Every structure is written in C-alpha cells, then in structure tokens.
All heavy atoms as atom14 arrays in JSON, in Angstrom:
{
  "sequence": "VSVPATDPRAPDQFVRGFQHALLAAAGIAFAGAIVAIV",
  "atom14_mask": [
    [1, 1, 1, 1, 1, 1, 1, 0, 0, 0, 0, 0, 0, 0],
    [1, 1, 1, 1, 1, 1, 0, 0, 0, 0, 0, 0, 0, 0],
    [1, 1, 1, 1, 1, 1, 1, 0, 0, 0, 0, 0, 0, 0],
    [1, 1, 1, 1, 1, 1, 1, 0, 0, 0, 0, 0, 0, 0],
    [1, 1, 1, 1, 1, 0, 0, 0, 0, 0, 0, 0, 0, 0],
    [1, 1, 1, 1, 1, 1, 1, 0, 0, 0, 0, 0, 0, 0],
    [1, 1, 1, 1, 1, 1, 1, 1, 0, 0, 0, 0, 0, 0],
    [1, 1, 1, 1, 1, 1, 1, 0, 0, 0, 0, 0, 0, 0],
    [1, 1, 1, 1, 1, 1, 1, 1, 1, 1, 1, 0, 0, 0],
    [1, 1, 1, 1, 1, 0, 0, 0, 0, 0, 0, 0, 0, 0],
    [1, 1, 1, 1, 1, 1, 1, 0, 0, 0, 0, 0, 0, 0],
    [1, 1, 1, 1, 1, 1, 1, 1, 0, 0, 0, 0, 0, 0],
    [1, 1, 1, 1, 1, 1, 1, 1, 1, 0, 0, 0, 0, 0],
    [1, 1, 1, 1, 1, 1, 1, 1, 1, 1, 1, 0, 0, 0],
    [1, 1, 1, 1, 1, 1, 1, 0, 0, 0, 0, 0, 0, 0],
    [1, 1, 1, 1, 1, 1, 1, 1, 1, 1, 1, 0, 0, 0],
    [1, 1, 1, 1, 0, 0, 0, 0, 0, 0, 0, 0, 0, 0],
    [1, 1, 1, 1, 1, 1, 1, 1, 1, 1, 1, 0, 0, 0],
    [1, 1, 1, 1, 1, 1, 1, 1, 1, 0, 0, 0, 0, 0],
    [1, 1, 1, 1, 1, 1, 1, 1, 1, 1, 0, 0, 0, 0],
    [1, 1, 1, 1, 1, 0, 0, 0, 0, 0, 0, 0, 0, 0],
    [1, 1, 1, 1, 1, 1, 1, 1, 0, 0, 0, 0, 0, 0],
    [1, 1, 1, 1, 1, 1, 1, 1, 0, 0, 0, 0, 0, 0],
    [1, 1, 1, 1, 1, 0, 0, 0, 0, 0, 0, 0, 0, 0],
    [1, 1, 1, 1, 1, 0, 0, 0, 0, 0, 0, 0, 0, 0],
    [1, 1, 1, 1, 1, 0, 0, 0, 0, 0, 0, 0, 0, 0],
    [1, 1, 1, 1, 0, 0, 0, 0, 0, 0, 0, 0, 0, 0],
    [1, 1, 1, 1, 1, 1, 1, 1, 0, 0, 0, 0, 0, 0],
    [1, 1, 1, 1, 1, 0, 0, 0, 0, 0, 0, 0, 0, 0],
    [1, 1, 1, 1, 1, 1, 1, 1, 1, 1, 1, 0, 0, 0],
    [1, 1, 1, 1, 1, 0, 0, 0, 0, 0, 0, 0, 0, 0],
    [1, 1, 1, 1, 0, 0, 0, 0, 0, 0, 0, 0, 0, 0],
    [1, 1, 1, 1, 1, 0, 0, 0, 0, 0, 0, 0, 0, 0],
    [1, 1, 1, 1, 1, 1, 1, 1, 0, 0, 0, 0, 0, 0],
    [1, 1, 1, 1, 1, 1, 1, 0, 0, 0, 0, 0, 0, 0],
    [1, 1, 1, 1, 1, 0, 0, 0, 0, 0, 0, 0, 0, 0],
    [1, 1, 1, 1, 1, 1, 1, 1, 0, 0, 0, 0, 0, 0],
    [1, 1, 1, 1, 1, 1, 1, 0, 0, 0, 0, 0, 0, 0]
  ],
  "atom14_positions": [
    [[2.99, 15.74, -0.43], [4.15, 14.9, -0.75], [4.3, 14.82, -2.25], [3.44, 14.25, -2.94], [4.02, 13.53, -0.11], [5.25, 12.68, -0.45], [3.84, 13.61, 1.4], [0.0, 0.0, 0.0], [0.0, 0.0, 0.0], [0.0, 0.0, 0.0], [0.0, 0.0, 0.0], [0.0, 0.0, 0.0], [0.0, 0.0, 0.0], [0.0, 0.0, 0.0]],
    [[5.38, 15.36, -2.76], [5.62, 15.39, -4.22], [6.9, 14.69, -4.63], [7.25, 14.72, -5.8], [5.66, 16.86, -4.68], [6.73, 17.55, -4.04], [0.0, 0.0, 0.0], [0.0, 0.0, 0.0], [0.0, 0.0, 0.0], [0.0, 0.0, 0.0], [0.0, 0.0, 0.0], [0.0, 0.0, 0.0], [0.0, 0.0, 0.0], [0.0, 0.0, 0.0]],
    [[7.52, 13.99, -3.67], [8.79, 13.31, -4.0], [8.67, 11.84, -3.57], [7.83, 11.49, -2.72], [9.98, 13.97, -3.3], [10.16, 15.39, -3.8], [9.81, 13.95, -1.8], [0.0, 0.0, 0.0], [0.0, 0.0, 0.0], [0.0, 0.0, 0.0], [0.0, 0.0, 0.0], [0.0, 0.0, 0.0], [0.0, 0.0, 0.0], [0.0, 0.0, 0.0]],
    [[9.52, 10.95, -4.09], [9.49, 9.56, -3.66], [9.88, 9.43, -2.19], [10.51, 10.3, -1.62], [10.51, 8.89, -4.58], [10.7, 9.82, -5.72], [10.45, 11.2, -5.2], [0.0, 0.0, 0.0], [0.0, 0.0, 0.0], [0.0, 0.0, 0.0], [0.0, 0.0, 0.0], [0.0, 0.0, 0.0], [0.0, 0.0, 0.0], [0.0, 0.0, 0.0]],
    [[9.47, 8.29, -1.61], [9.76, 8.05, -0.2], [11.25, 8.03, 0.13], [11.64, 8.31, 1.28], [9.11, 6.74, 0.26], [0.0, 0.0, 0.0], [0.0, 0.0, 0.0], [0.0, 0.0, 0.0], [0.0, 0.0, 0.0], [0.0, 0.0, 0.0], [0.0, 0.0, 0.0], [0.0, 0.0, 0.0], [0.0, 0.0, 0.0], [0.0, 0.0, 0.0]],
    [[12.06, 7.72, -0.89], [13.51, 7.64, -0.68], [14.16, 9.0, -0.73], [15.36, 9.13, -0.41], [14.12, 6.71, -1.75], [13.76, 7.19, -3.04], [13.64, 5.3, -1.56], [0.0, 0.0, 0.0], [0.0, 0.0, 0.0], [0.0, 0.0, 0.0], [0.0, 0.0, 0.0], [0.0, 0.0, 0.0], [0.0, 0.0, 0.0], [0.0, 0.0, 0.0]],
    [[13.44, 9.99, -1.16], [14.01, 11.35, -1.29], [14.19, 11.95, 0.1], [13.33, 11.78, 0.98], [13.08, 12.25, -2.09], [13.74, 13.57, -2.51], [14.02, 14.38, -1.57], [13.95, 13.79, -3.71], [0.0, 0.0, 0.0], [0.0, 0.0, 0.0], [0.0, 0.0, 0.0], [0.0, 0.0, 0.0], [0.0, 0.0, 0.0], [0.0, 0.0, 0.0]],
    [[15.3, 12.61, 0.4], [15.54, 13.22, 1.74], [14.49, 14.25, 2.11], [14.3, 14.48, 3.34], [16.89, 13.86, 1.59], [17.57, 13.14, 0.49], [16.48, 12.77, -0.47], [0.0, 0.0, 0.0], [0.0, 0.0, 0.0], [0.0, 0.0, 0.0], [0.0, 0.0, 0.0], [0.0, 0.0, 0.0], [0.0, 0.0, 0.0], [0.0, 0.0, 0.0]],
    [[13.82, 14.79, 1.16], [12.77, 15.77, 1.47], [11.43, 15.16, 1.87], [10.54, 15.83, 2.39], [12.52, 16.69, 0.26], [13.74, 17.56, -0.14], [13.49, 18.22, -1.47], [13.46, 17.25, -2.55], [13.15, 17.51, -3.82], [12.81, 18.76, -4.15], [13.15, 16.56, -4.73], [0.0, 0.0, 0.0], [0.0, 0.0, 0.0], [0.0, 0.0, 0.0]],
    [[11.29, 13.86, 1.64], [10.03, 13.19, 1.88], [9.53, 13.31, 3.33], [8.34, 13.59, 3.54], [10.1, 11.74, 1.46], [0.0, 0.0, 0.0], [0.0, 0.0, 0.0], [0.0, 0.0, 0.0], [0.0, 0.0, 0.0], [0.0, 0.0, 0.0], [0.0, 0.0, 0.0], [0.0, 0.0, 0.0], [0.0, 0.0, 0.0], [0.0, 0.0, 0.0]],
    [[10.37, 13.08, 4.35], [9.89, 13.19, 5.73], [9.33, 14.58, 6.05], [8.29, 14.68, 6.7], [11.13, 12.88, 6.57], [11.97, 12.02, 5.67], [11.78, 12.57, 4.3], [0.0, 0.0, 0.0], [0.0, 0.0, 0.0], [0.0, 0.0, 0.0], [0.0, 0.0, 0.0], [0.0, 0.0, 0.0], [0.0, 0.0, 0.0], [0.0, 0.0, 0.0]],
    [[9.99, 15.61, 5.6], [9.52, 16.99, 5.89], [8.17, 17.23, 5.2], [7.28, 17.85, 5.78], [10.57, 18.03, 5.4], [11.8, 18.06, 6.3], [11.64, 17.85, 7.5], [12.88, 18.29, 5.79], [0.0, 0.0, 0.0], [0.0, 0.0, 0.0], [0.0, 0.0, 0.0], [0.0, 0.0, 0.0], [0.0, 0.0, 0.0], [0.0, 0.0, 0.0]],
    [[8.03, 16.74, 3.98], [6.81, 16.92, 3.27], [5.64, 16.14, 3.9], [4.53, 16.62, 4.04], [6.93, 16.54, 1.81], [7.85, 17.46, 1.01], [7.86, 17.15, -0.47], [7.19, 16.22, -0.94], [8.59, 17.95, -1.23], [0.0, 0.0, 0.0], [0.0, 0.0, 0.0], [0.0, 0.0, 0.0], [0.0, 0.0, 0.0], [0.0, 0.0, 0.0]],
    [[5.97, 14.93, 4.38], [4.96, 14.12, 5.07], [4.51, 14.81, 6.34], [3.3, 14.88, 6.62], [5.5, 12.75, 5.42], [4.57, 11.92, 6.25], [3.55, 11.18, 5.66], [4.68, 11.9, 7.65], [2.66, 10.45, 6.42], [3.82, 11.17, 8.43], [2.8, 10.43, 7.8], [0.0, 0.0, 0.0], [0.0, 0.0, 0.0], [0.0, 0.0, 0.0]],
    [[5.46, 15.35, 7.12], [5.1, 16.05, 8.37], [4.23, 17.26, 8.09], [3.23, 17.51, 8.79], [6.35, 16.44, 9.15], [5.98, 17.39, 10.29], [7.07, 15.23, 9.69], [0.0, 0.0, 0.0], [0.0, 0.0, 0.0], [0.0, 0.0, 0.0], [0.0, 0.0, 0.0], [0.0, 0.0, 0.0], [0.0, 0.0, 0.0], [0.0, 0.0, 0.0]],
    [[4.54, 17.99, 7.01], [3.73, 19.14, 6.68], [2.3, 18.71, 6.3], [1.31, 19.31, 6.76], [4.36, 19.91, 5.52], [3.6, 21.21, 5.17], [4.43, 22.11, 4.27], [4.75, 21.48, 2.98], [5.97, 21.08, 2.65], [6.97, 21.22, 3.5], [6.18, 20.5, 1.5], [0.0, 0.0, 0.0], [0.0, 0.0, 0.0], [0.0, 0.0, 0.0]],
    [[2.19, 17.66, 5.49], [0.86, 17.17, 5.13], [0.12, 16.61, 6.32], [-1.1, 16.8, 6.47], [0.0, 0.0, 0.0], [0.0, 0.0, 0.0], [0.0, 0.0, 0.0], [0.0, 0.0, 0.0], [0.0, 0.0, 0.0], [0.0, 0.0, 0.0], [0.0, 0.0, 0.0], [0.0, 0.0, 0.0], [0.0, 0.0, 0.0], [0.0, 0.0, 0.0]],
    [[0.84, 15.94, 7.21], [0.3, 15.4, 8.45], [-0.3, 16.53, 9.31], [-1.41, 16.38, 9.83], [1.42, 14.67, 9.14], [1.17, 14.24, 10.58], [0.41, 13.12, 10.86], [1.68, 14.98, 11.64], [0.19, 12.73, 12.17], [1.49, 14.61, 12.94], [0.72, 13.47, 13.21], [0.0, 0.0, 0.0], [0.0, 0.0, 0.0], [0.0, 0.0, 0.0]],
    [[0.44, 17.6, 9.42], [-0.06, 18.73, 10.24], [-1.29, 19.35, 9.62], [-2.25, 19.68, 10.32], [1.06, 19.78, 10.36], [2.25, 19.31, 11.18], [3.45, 20.24, 11.12], [3.56, 21.02, 10.16], [4.31, 20.16, 12.09], [0.0, 0.0, 0.0], [0.0, 0.0, 0.0], [0.0, 0.0, 0.0], [0.0, 0.0, 0.0], [0.0, 0.0, 0.0]],
    [[-1.34, 19.5, 8.31], [-2.5, 20.06, 7.64], [-3.72, 19.11, 7.83], [-4.83, 19.6, 8.02], [-2.2, 20.24, 6.14], [-1.21, 21.3, 5.83], [-0.59, 21.42, 4.62], [-0.7, 22.29, 6.6], [0.24, 22.45, 4.66], [0.19, 22.97, 5.84], [0.0, 0.0, 0.0], [0.0, 0.0, 0.0], [0.0, 0.0, 0.0], [0.0, 0.0, 0.0]],
    [[-3.48, 17.81, 7.71], [-4.57, 16.86, 7.9], [-5.17, 16.93, 9.29], [-6.38, 16.85, 9.47], [-4.08, 15.45, 7.57], [0.0, 0.0, 0.0], [0.0, 0.0, 0.0], [0.0, 0.0, 0.0], [0.0, 0.0, 0.0], [0.0, 0.0, 0.0], [0.0, 0.0, 0.0], [0.0, 0.0, 0.0], [0.0, 0.0, 0.0], [0.0, 0.0, 0.0]],
    [[-4.31, 17.08, 10.29], [-4.8, 17.14, 11.67], [-5.54, 18.43, 11.95], [-6.51, 18.42, 12.71], [-3.61, 17.0, 12.62], [-3.02, 15.59, 12.67], [-1.7, 15.56, 13.42], [-4.01, 14.61, 13.3], [0.0, 0.0, 0.0], [0.0, 0.0, 0.0], [0.0, 0.0, 0.0], [0.0, 0.0, 0.0], [0.0, 0.0, 0.0], [0.0, 0.0, 0.0]],
    [[-5.16, 19.52, 11.34], [-5.91, 20.74, 11.45], [-7.29, 20.61, 10.85], [-8.3, 21.1, 11.38], [-5.16, 21.92, 10.78], [-3.88, 22.4, 11.49], [-3.15, 23.42, 10.66], [-4.22, 22.99, 12.87], [0.0, 0.0, 0.0], [0.0, 0.0, 0.0], [0.0, 0.0, 0.0], [0.0, 0.0, 0.0], [0.0, 0.0, 0.0], [0.0, 0.0, 0.0]],
    [[-7.37, 19.93, 9.69], [-8.67, 19.66, 9.06], [-9.5, 18.77, 9.97], [-10.72, 19.0, 10.15], [-8.47, 19.0, 7.7], [0.0, 0.0, 0.0], [0.0, 0.0, 0.0], [0.0, 0.0, 0.0], [0.0, 0.0, 0.0], [0.0, 0.0, 0.0], [0.0, 0.0, 0.0], [0.0, 0.0, 0.0], [0.0, 0.0, 0.0], [0.0, 0.0, 0.0]],
    [[-8.9, 17.76, 10.59], [-9.61, 16.87, 11.48], [-10.12, 17.62, 12.68], [-11.24, 17.36, 13.18], [-8.71, 15.71, 11.91], [0.0, 0.0, 0.0], [0.0, 0.0, 0.0], [0.0, 0.0, 0.0], [0.0, 0.0, 0.0], [0.0, 0.0, 0.0], [0.0, 0.0, 0.0], [0.0, 0.0, 0.0], [0.0, 0.0, 0.0], [0.0, 0.0, 0.0]],
    [[-9.32, 18.56, 13.18], [-9.77, 19.38, 14.34], [-11.01, 20.21, 13.96], [-11.97, 20.3, 14.74], [-8.67, 20.32, 14.79], [0.0, 0.0, 0.0], [0.0, 0.0, 0.0], [0.0, 0.0, 0.0], [0.0, 0.0, 0.0], [0.0, 0.0, 0.0], [0.0, 0.0, 0.0], [0.0, 0.0, 0.0], [0.0, 0.0, 0.0], [0.0, 0.0, 0.0]],
    [[-11.03, 20.77, 12.73], [-12.18, 21.51, 12.3], [-13.42, 20.62, 12.22], [-14.51, 21.04, 12.57], [0.0, 0.0, 0.0], [0.0, 0.0, 0.0], [0.0, 0.0, 0.0], [0.0, 0.0, 0.0], [0.0, 0.0, 0.0], [0.0, 0.0, 0.0], [0.0, 0.0, 0.0], [0.0, 0.0, 0.0], [0.0, 0.0, 0.0], [0.0, 0.0, 0.0]],
    [[-13.22, 19.39, 11.77], [-14.35, 18.42, 11.71], [-14.87, 18.14, 13.09], [-16.09, 18.09, 13.34], [-13.9, 17.13, 11.04], [-13.6, 17.38, 9.55], [-14.95, 16.04, 11.21], [-12.9, 16.25, 8.85], [0.0, 0.0, 0.0], [0.0, 0.0, 0.0], [0.0, 0.0, 0.0], [0.0, 0.0, 0.0], [0.0, 0.0, 0.0], [0.0, 0.0, 0.0]],
    [[-13.98, 17.98, 14.08], [-14.41, 17.69, 15.46], [-15.19, 18.86, 16.03], [-16.21, 18.67, 16.69], [-13.17, 17.4, 16.32], [0.0, 0.0, 0.0], [0.0, 0.0, 0.0], [0.0, 0.0, 0.0], [0.0, 0.0, 0.0], [0.0, 0.0, 0.0], [0.0, 0.0, 0.0], [0.0, 0.0, 0.0], [0.0, 0.0, 0.0], [0.0, 0.0, 0.0]],
    [[-14.71, 20.1, 15.79], [-15.45, 21.27, 16.29], [-16.8, 21.39, 15.63], [-17.8, 21.79, 16.28], [-14.63, 22.53, 16.07], [-13.38, 22.61, 16.95], [-12.17, 22.96, 16.41], [-13.47, 22.32, 18.32], [-11.04, 23.03, 17.21], [-12.34, 22.41, 19.11], [-11.11, 22.76, 18.58], [0.0, 0.0, 0.0], [0.0, 0.0, 0.0], [0.0, 0.0, 0.0]],
    [[-16.87, 21.02, 14.35], [-18.18, 21.02, 13.67], [-19.09, 19.98, 14.29], [-20.32, 20.24, 14.45], [-18.01, 20.7, 12.15], [0.0, 0.0, 0.0], [0.0, 0.0, 0.0], [0.0, 0.0, 0.0], [0.0, 0.0, 0.0], [0.0, 0.0, 0.0], [0.0, 0.0, 0.0], [0.0, 0.0, 0.0], [0.0, 0.0, 0.0], [0.0, 0.0, 0.0]],
    [[-18.55, 18.86, 14.68], [-19.37, 17.85, 15.36], [-19.91, 18.33, 16.71], [-21.03, 17.98, 17.07], [0.0, 0.0, 0.0], [0.0, 0.0, 0.0], [0.0, 0.0, 0.0], [0.0, 0.0, 0.0], [0.0, 0.0, 0.0], [0.0, 0.0, 0.0], [0.0, 0.0, 0.0], [0.0, 0.0, 0.0], [0.0, 0.0, 0.0], [0.0, 0.0, 0.0]],
    [[-19.11, 19.14, 17.4], [-19.6, 19.71, 18.67], [-20.81, 20.59, 18.43], [-21.82, 20.56, 19.18], [-18.47, 20.5, 19.35], [0.0, 0.0, 0.0], [0.0, 0.0, 0.0], [0.0, 0.0, 0.0], [0.0, 0.0, 0.0], [0.0, 0.0, 0.0], [0.0, 0.0, 0.0], [0.0, 0.0, 0.0], [0.0, 0.0, 0.0], [0.0, 0.0, 0.0]],
    [[-20.76, 21.39, 17.38], [-21.89, 22.26, 17.05], [-23.12, 21.47, 16.74], [-24.24, 21.74, 17.19], [-21.51, 23.22, 15.9], [-20.39, 24.17, 16.31], [-22.71, 24.02, 15.42], [-19.82, 24.99, 15.18], [0.0, 0.0, 0.0], [0.0, 0.0, 0.0], [0.0, 0.0, 0.0], [0.0, 0.0, 0.0], [0.0, 0.0, 0.0], [0.0, 0.0, 0.0]],
    [[-22.95, 20.4, 15.91], [-24.08, 19.53, 15.54], [-24.72, 18.92, 16.77], [-25.95, 18.93, 16.93], [-23.62, 18.43, 14.58], [-24.7, 17.38, 14.39], [-23.22, 19.02, 13.22], [0.0, 0.0, 0.0], [0.0, 0.0, 0.0], [0.0, 0.0, 0.0], [0.0, 0.0, 0.0], [0.0, 0.0, 0.0], [0.0, 0.0, 0.0], [0.0, 0.0, 0.0]],
    [[-23.89, 18.41, 17.7], [-24.44, 17.77, 18.88], [-25.21, 18.73, 19.74], [-26.31, 18.46, 20.22], [-23.27, 17.17, 19.69], [0.0, 0.0, 0.0], [0.0, 0.0, 0.0], [0.0, 0.0, 0.0], [0.0, 0.0, 0.0], [0.0, 0.0, 0.0], [0.0, 0.0, 0.0], [0.0, 0.0, 0.0], [0.0, 0.0, 0.0], [0.0, 0.0, 0.0]],
    [[-24.67, 19.94, 19.94], [-25.32, 20.9, 20.83], [-26.61, 21.42, 20.23], [-27.61, 21.65, 20.94], [-24.34, 22.08, 21.15], [-23.18, 21.54, 22.01], [-25.05, 23.21, 21.84], [-22.07, 22.53, 22.17], [0.0, 0.0, 0.0], [0.0, 0.0, 0.0], [0.0, 0.0, 0.0], [0.0, 0.0, 0.0], [0.0, 0.0, 0.0], [0.0, 0.0, 0.0]],
    [[-26.62, 21.62, 18.91], [-27.8, 22.19, 18.25], [-28.93, 21.2, 18.09], [-30.1, 21.53, 18.23], [-27.4, 22.75, 16.86], [-28.64, 23.13, 16.04], [-26.48, 23.98, 17.05], [0.0, 0.0, 0.0], [0.0, 0.0, 0.0], [0.0, 0.0, 0.0], [0.0, 0.0, 0.0], [0.0, 0.0, 0.0], [0.0, 0.0, 0.0], [0.0, 0.0, 0.0]]
  ]
}
C-alpha cells in the first residue's frame, strides 16, 4: 500500500497485500506441519 486510504487505488493495493500476506501465512502453516511430523 503506497497511497493514502482515501485514494481510489487504496482498496486494490490492500487486497494485493492481503493476498501476499495470506500466501506467506500458508507457507508458515505448511512449515509447522513439517515441524510437527518430524
């Protein structure tokens, strides 16, 4: 997110960052599965 919240582009940028964050969280969860099994 590189624009103020009032900028029309802000929602699209937030969604893009939100999607990237969730992909990172998914990677963390899969790493946790490996830790548990090992």
